[in-house]
Every structure is written in C-alpha cells, then in structure tokens.
C-alpha atoms as a PDB file:
ATOM      1  CA  MET A   1     -15.605  10.003  14.477  1.00  0.00           C
ATOM      2  CA  ARG A   2     -18.399  10.691  11.730  1.00  0.00           C
ATOM      3  CA  ARG A   3     -19.008   9.079   8.770  1.00  0.00           C
ATOM      4  CA  GLU A   4     -17.850  12.508   6.887  1.00  0.00           C
ATOM      5  CA  ASP A   5     -14.732  12.927   8.876  1.00  0.00           C
ATOM      6  CA  ILE A   6     -14.222   8.994   7.907  1.00  0.00           C
ATOM      7  CA  LEU A   7     -14.485   9.604   4.396  1.00  0.00           C
ATOM      8  CA  ALA A   8     -12.752  12.232   4.169  1.00  0.00           C
ATOM      9  CA  LEU A   9      -9.679  11.003   6.046  1.00  0.00           C
ATOM     10  CA  SER A  10     -10.032   7.658   3.672  1.00  0.00           C
ATOM     11  CA  LYS A  11      -9.983  10.016   0.869  1.00  0.00           C
ATOM     12  CA  TYR A  12      -6.857  11.929   2.025  1.00  0.00           C
ATOM     13  CA  ARG A  13      -4.882   8.317   2.230  1.00  0.00           C
ATOM     14  CA  LEU A  14      -5.744   7.302  -1.116  1.00  0.00           C
ATOM     15  CA  ASP A  15      -5.106  10.300  -2.632  1.00  0.00           C
ATOM     16  CA  LYS A  16      -1.301  10.026  -0.903  1.00  0.00           C
ATOM     17  CA  ALA A  17      -1.187   6.528  -1.771  1.00  0.00           C
ATOM     18  CA  LYS A  18      -1.733   7.504  -5.552  1.00  0.00           C
ATOM     19  CA  GLU A  19       0.584  10.147  -5.071  1.00  0.00           C
ATOM     20  CA  GLU A  20       3.171   7.829  -3.602  1.00  0.00           C
ATOM     21  CA  LEU A  21       2.220   5.638  -6.886  1.00  0.00           C
ATOM     22  CA  ASP A  22       3.120   8.259  -9.522  1.00  0.00           C
ATOM     23  CA  THR A  23       6.133   8.728  -7.458  1.00  0.00           C
ATOM     24  CA  ALA A  24       7.467   5.450  -7.821  1.00  0.00           C
ATOM     25  CA  ARG A  25       7.148   5.974 -11.411  1.00  0.00           C
ATOM     26  CA  GLN A  26       8.728   8.915 -11.638  1.00  0.00           C
ATOM     27  CA  LEU A  27      11.834   7.777  -9.728  1.00  0.00           C
ATOM     28  CA  PHE A  28      11.845   4.473 -12.211  1.00  0.00           C
ATOM     29  CA  GLU A  29      12.310   6.278 -15.208  1.00  0.00           C
ATOM     30  CA  LEU A  30      15.697   8.347 -13.398  1.00  0.00           C
ATOM     31  CA  ASN A  31      17.216   4.562 -12.620  1.00  0.00           C
ATOM     32  CA  ARG A  32      16.607   5.122  -9.034  1.00  0.00           C
ATOM     33  CA  PHE A  33      14.677   2.065  -8.294  1.00  0.00           C
ATOM     34  CA  SER A  34      15.726   1.589  -4.529  1.00  0.00           C
ATOM     35  CA  LYS A  35      13.814   4.633  -3.787  1.00  0.00           C
ATOM     36  CA  SER A  36      10.890   3.765  -6.543  1.00  0.00           C
ATOM     37  CA  LEU A  37      10.721   0.143  -4.870  1.00  0.00           C
ATOM     38  CA  ASN A  38      10.398   2.540  -1.402  1.00  0.00           C
ATOM     39  CA  CYS A  39       7.769   4.563  -2.945  1.00  0.00           C
ATOM     40  CA  SER A  40       5.471   1.203  -3.824  1.00  0.00           C
ATOM     41  CA  TYR A  41       5.484   0.593  -1.233  1.00  0.00           C
ATOM     42  CA  TYR A  42       3.966   3.307   0.788  1.00  0.00           C
ATOM     43  CA  SER A  43       1.204   3.973  -2.203  1.00  0.00           C
ATOM     44  CA  ILE A  44       0.371   0.160  -0.376  1.00  0.00           C
ATOM     45  CA  PHE A  45       0.614   1.109   2.887  1.00  0.00           C
ATOM     46  CA  HIS A  46      -1.781   4.032   2.309  1.00  0.00           C
ATOM     47  CA  ALA A  47      -4.176   2.668   0.250  1.00  0.00           C
ATOM     48  CA  THR A  48      -4.252  -0.083   3.528  1.00  0.00           C
ATOM     49  CA  ARG A  49      -4.660   3.011   5.937  1.00  0.00           C
ATOM     50  CA  ALA A  50      -7.172   4.448   3.257  1.00  0.00           C
ATOM     51  CA  LEU A  51      -9.382   1.194   3.738  1.00  0.00           C
ATOM     52  CA  LEU A  52      -8.418   0.645   7.964  1.00  0.00           C
ATOM     53  CA  ALA A  53     -10.361   4.610   8.315  1.00  0.00           C
ATOM     54  CA  TYR A  54     -13.952   2.709   7.708  1.00  0.00           C
ATOM     55  CA  ASP A  55     -12.650   0.420  11.015  1.00  0.00           C
ATOM     56  CA  GLN A  56     -11.203   3.663  12.862  1.00  0.00           C
ATOM     57  CA  PHE A  57      -7.983   1.952  12.914  1.00  0.00           C
ATOM     58  CA  ASP A  58      -4.730   2.816  13.056  1.00  0.00           C
ATOM     59  CA  SER A  59      -1.272   1.444  14.425  1.00  0.00           C
ATOM     60  CA  LYS A  60       2.092   3.645  14.703  1.00  0.00           C
ATOM     61  CA  LYS A  61       3.690   0.874  13.512  1.00  0.00           C
ATOM     62  CA  HIS A  62       3.226  -0.549  10.048  1.00  0.00           C
ATOM     63  CA  SER A  63       3.014  -4.342  11.460  1.00  0.00           C
ATOM     64  CA  GLY A  64       0.164  -3.620  13.109  1.00  0.00           C
ATOM     65  CA  ILE A  65      -1.476  -2.283   9.976  1.00  0.00           C
ATOM     66  CA  ILE A  66      -0.661  -4.740   8.506  1.00  0.00           C
ATOM     67  CA  SER A  67      -1.732  -7.097  10.887  1.00  0.00           C
ATOM     68  CA  TYR A  68      -4.794  -6.185  11.180  1.00  0.00           C
ATOM     69  CA  PHE A  69      -5.189  -5.596   7.431  1.00  0.00           C
ATOM     70  CA  ILE A  70      -4.419  -9.696   6.998  1.00  0.00           C
ATOM     71  CA  LYS A  71      -6.500 -11.101   9.837  1.00  0.00           C
ATOM     72  CA  ASN A  72      -9.781  -8.773   9.420  1.00  0.00           C
ATOM     73  CA  TYR A  73      -9.732  -8.767   5.287  1.00  0.00           C
ATOM     74  CA  ILE A  74      -7.914 -11.470   4.213  1.00  0.00           C
ATOM     75  CA  ALA A  75      -8.183 -14.892   6.411  1.00  0.00           C
ATOM     76  CA  SER A  76     -12.035 -13.538   6.883  1.00  0.00           C
ATOM     77  CA  LYS A  77     -12.293 -13.894   2.997  1.00  0.00           C
ATOM     78  CA  ILE A  78     -13.201 -10.648   2.496  1.00  0.00           C
ATOM     79  CA  LEU A  79     -10.494  -9.554   0.475  1.00  0.00           C
ATOM     80  CA  PRO A  80      -8.107 -12.054  -2.218  1.00  0.00           C
ATOM     81  CA  GLN A  81      -5.346 -13.791  -0.687  1.00  0.00           C
ATOM     82  CA  GLU A  82      -3.214 -12.131  -2.981  1.00  0.00           C
ATOM     83  CA  LEU A  83      -3.186  -8.763  -1.538  1.00  0.00           C
ATOM     84  CA  ALA A  84      -1.562 -10.192   1.563  1.00  0.00           C
ATOM     85  CA  ARG A  85       1.255 -11.725  -0.215  1.00  0.00           C
ATOM     86  CA  VAL A  86       1.675  -8.145  -1.984  1.00  0.00           C
ATOM     87  CA  ILE A  87       1.822  -6.205   0.791  1.00  0.00           C
ATOM     88  CA  LEU A  88       4.261  -8.573   2.462  1.00  0.00           C
ATOM     89  CA  ASP A  89       6.276  -9.270   0.041  1.00  0.00           C
ATOM     90  CA  ALA A  90       6.581  -5.282  -0.417  1.00  0.00           C
ATOM     91  CA  GLU A  91       7.301  -4.405   3.005  1.00  0.00           C
ATOM     92  CA  ASP A  92      10.061  -7.280   3.200  1.00  0.00           C
ATOM     93  CA  PHE A  93      11.664  -5.559   0.118  1.00  0.00           C
ATOM     94  CA  ARG A  94      11.053  -1.811   1.209  1.00  0.00           C
ATOM     95  CA  HIS A  95      13.317  -3.216   4.030  1.00  0.00           C
ATOM     96  CA  ASP A  96      15.820  -4.349   2.972  1.00  0.00           C
ATOM     97  CA  ALA A  97      15.937  -1.729   0.934  1.00  0.00           C
ATOM     98  CA  ASP A  98      16.230   0.770   2.976  1.00  0.00           C
ATOM     99  CA  TYR A  99      18.476  -1.423   5.604  1.00  0.00           C
ATOM    100  CA  MET A 100      20.535  -3.380   4.083  1.00  0.00           C
ATOM    101  CA  ASP A 101      24.163  -2.217   3.070  1.00  0.00           C
ATOM    102  CA  PHE A 102      24.717  -3.176  -0.693  1.00  0.00           C
ATOM    103  CA  TYR A 103      21.488  -4.442  -1.365  1.00  0.00           C
ATOM    104  CA  VAL A 104      20.906  -3.732  -5.122  1.00  0.00           C
ATOM    105  CA  VAL A 105      17.107  -3.137  -6.477  1.00  0.00           C
ATOM    106  CA  SER A 106      16.988  -4.126 -10.108  1.00  0.00           C
ATOM    107  CA  SER A 107      15.200  -2.616 -12.916  1.00  0.00           C
ATOM    108  CA  ASP A 108      13.033  -5.666 -13.086  1.00  0.00           C
ATOM    109  CA  ASP A 109      12.399  -5.156  -9.157  1.00  0.00           C
ATOM    110  CA  ALA A 110      11.086  -1.938  -9.511  1.00  0.00           C
ATOM    111  CA  ARG A 111       8.948  -2.171 -12.074  1.00  0.00           C
ATOM    112  CA  ILE A 112       6.879  -5.284 -10.636  1.00  0.00           C
ATOM    113  CA  GLN A 113       6.604  -3.532  -7.685  1.00  0.00           C
ATOM    114  CA  ILE A 114       5.413  -0.967  -9.389  1.00  0.00           C
ATOM    115  CA  GLU A 115       3.002  -3.386 -10.876  1.00  0.00           C
ATOM    116  CA  LYS A 116       1.469  -4.680  -7.714  1.00  0.00           C
ATOM    117  CA  ALA A 117       1.238  -1.129  -6.170  1.00  0.00           C
ATOM    118  CA  LYS A 118      -1.179  -0.385  -8.817  1.00  0.00           C
ATOM    119  CA  TYR A 119      -3.047  -3.524  -8.829  1.00  0.00           C
ATOM    120  CA  PHE A 120      -3.376  -3.503  -4.934  1.00  0.00           C
ATOM    121  CA  LEU A 121      -4.702   0.052  -5.046  1.00  0.00           C
ATOM    122  CA  GLU A 122      -7.079  -0.232  -7.255  1.00  0.00           C
ATOM    123  CA  SER A 123      -8.236  -3.273  -5.786  1.00  0.00           C
ATOM    124  CA  ILE A 124      -8.083  -1.341  -2.720  1.00  0.00           C
ATOM    125  CA  GLU A 125     -10.063   1.727  -3.744  1.00  0.00           C
ATOM    126  CA  SER A 126     -12.365  -0.602  -5.989  1.00  0.00           C
ATOM    127  CA  PHE A 127     -13.938  -2.411  -2.608  1.00  0.00           C
ATOM    128  CA  ILE A 128     -14.040   0.820  -1.068  1.00  0.00           C
ATOM    129  CA  ILE A 129     -16.073   2.440  -3.582  1.00  0.00           C
ATOM    130  CA  LYS A 130     -18.472  -0.715  -3.535  1.00  0.00           C
ATOM    131  CA  THR A 131     -19.174  -1.255   0.109  1.00  0.00           C
ATOM    132  CA  LYS A 132     -17.982   1.891   1.615  1.00  0.00           C
ATOM    133  CA  ALA A 133     -19.790   4.408  -1.143  1.00  0.00           C
ATOM    134  CA  ILE A 134     -17.308   6.707  -0.954  1.00  0.00           C
END
C-alpha cells in the first residue's frame, strides 16, 4: 500500500473514532447510557485501527485487532500499559451491554467510559502524529 493511502486510511479511522466519541457524548446527554457506552468502545476500536493502518494490519475480529495492538504496542512497551486496560475493559463493557439481558449501564459507567475513550483517542492520535508524521 502506498504511503499516502496509509495516511488517508489512518485519518479516516481517526475521524470515525472522533465521530463515535462525539456520538457517545450526545447519547449520554439523552440518558442513553448503554448506547453511549457502545459508542465509546467503538471510538477506542477505530483509534486502534487508525494506528494499525501503519502496520498494514487489519482483522475481521475485534479480538484480532486488540491482540495485535497489545502484542505489538503494549507488550513491547511502545505505548503505556494502561491503554491495554482501557481497551480490554471497554470491550468487556460493550459486550455485556450489547448481549447480556437486563444489563444496566449506569450514568457513572457511561461517563467514565467516555473519559477513557477520550484519553485513549488523544493518546493514539498524539502517538501517530509524533511517530508516523501525519
């Protein structure tokens, strides 16, 4: 893949991550905490995929994206360990909210996930800008 295509793909995915975060905030304001939590997760997920565009790696499974990210960026100490906890927790929350009957997402849970998604997105975008020169 050409460098300019990688840059465009990464930017597209970062834009999706920002849109999901904005949607999470809007849904939170509407007291749609479960959907807000879902969008927070997808913000994190798309930010991760924005970074992985530079590695020309993608996967049809969320677990594949997360495993690759942790192995290549967290375990190798390129990015801080706390980012692994953010993405893993967000995936667990999203899974429970989407698939468990009677699972209730509190306003505190949704708010915290928005804050973590914002932190994650900013961390990844900053890393990309510093190291990948977009």
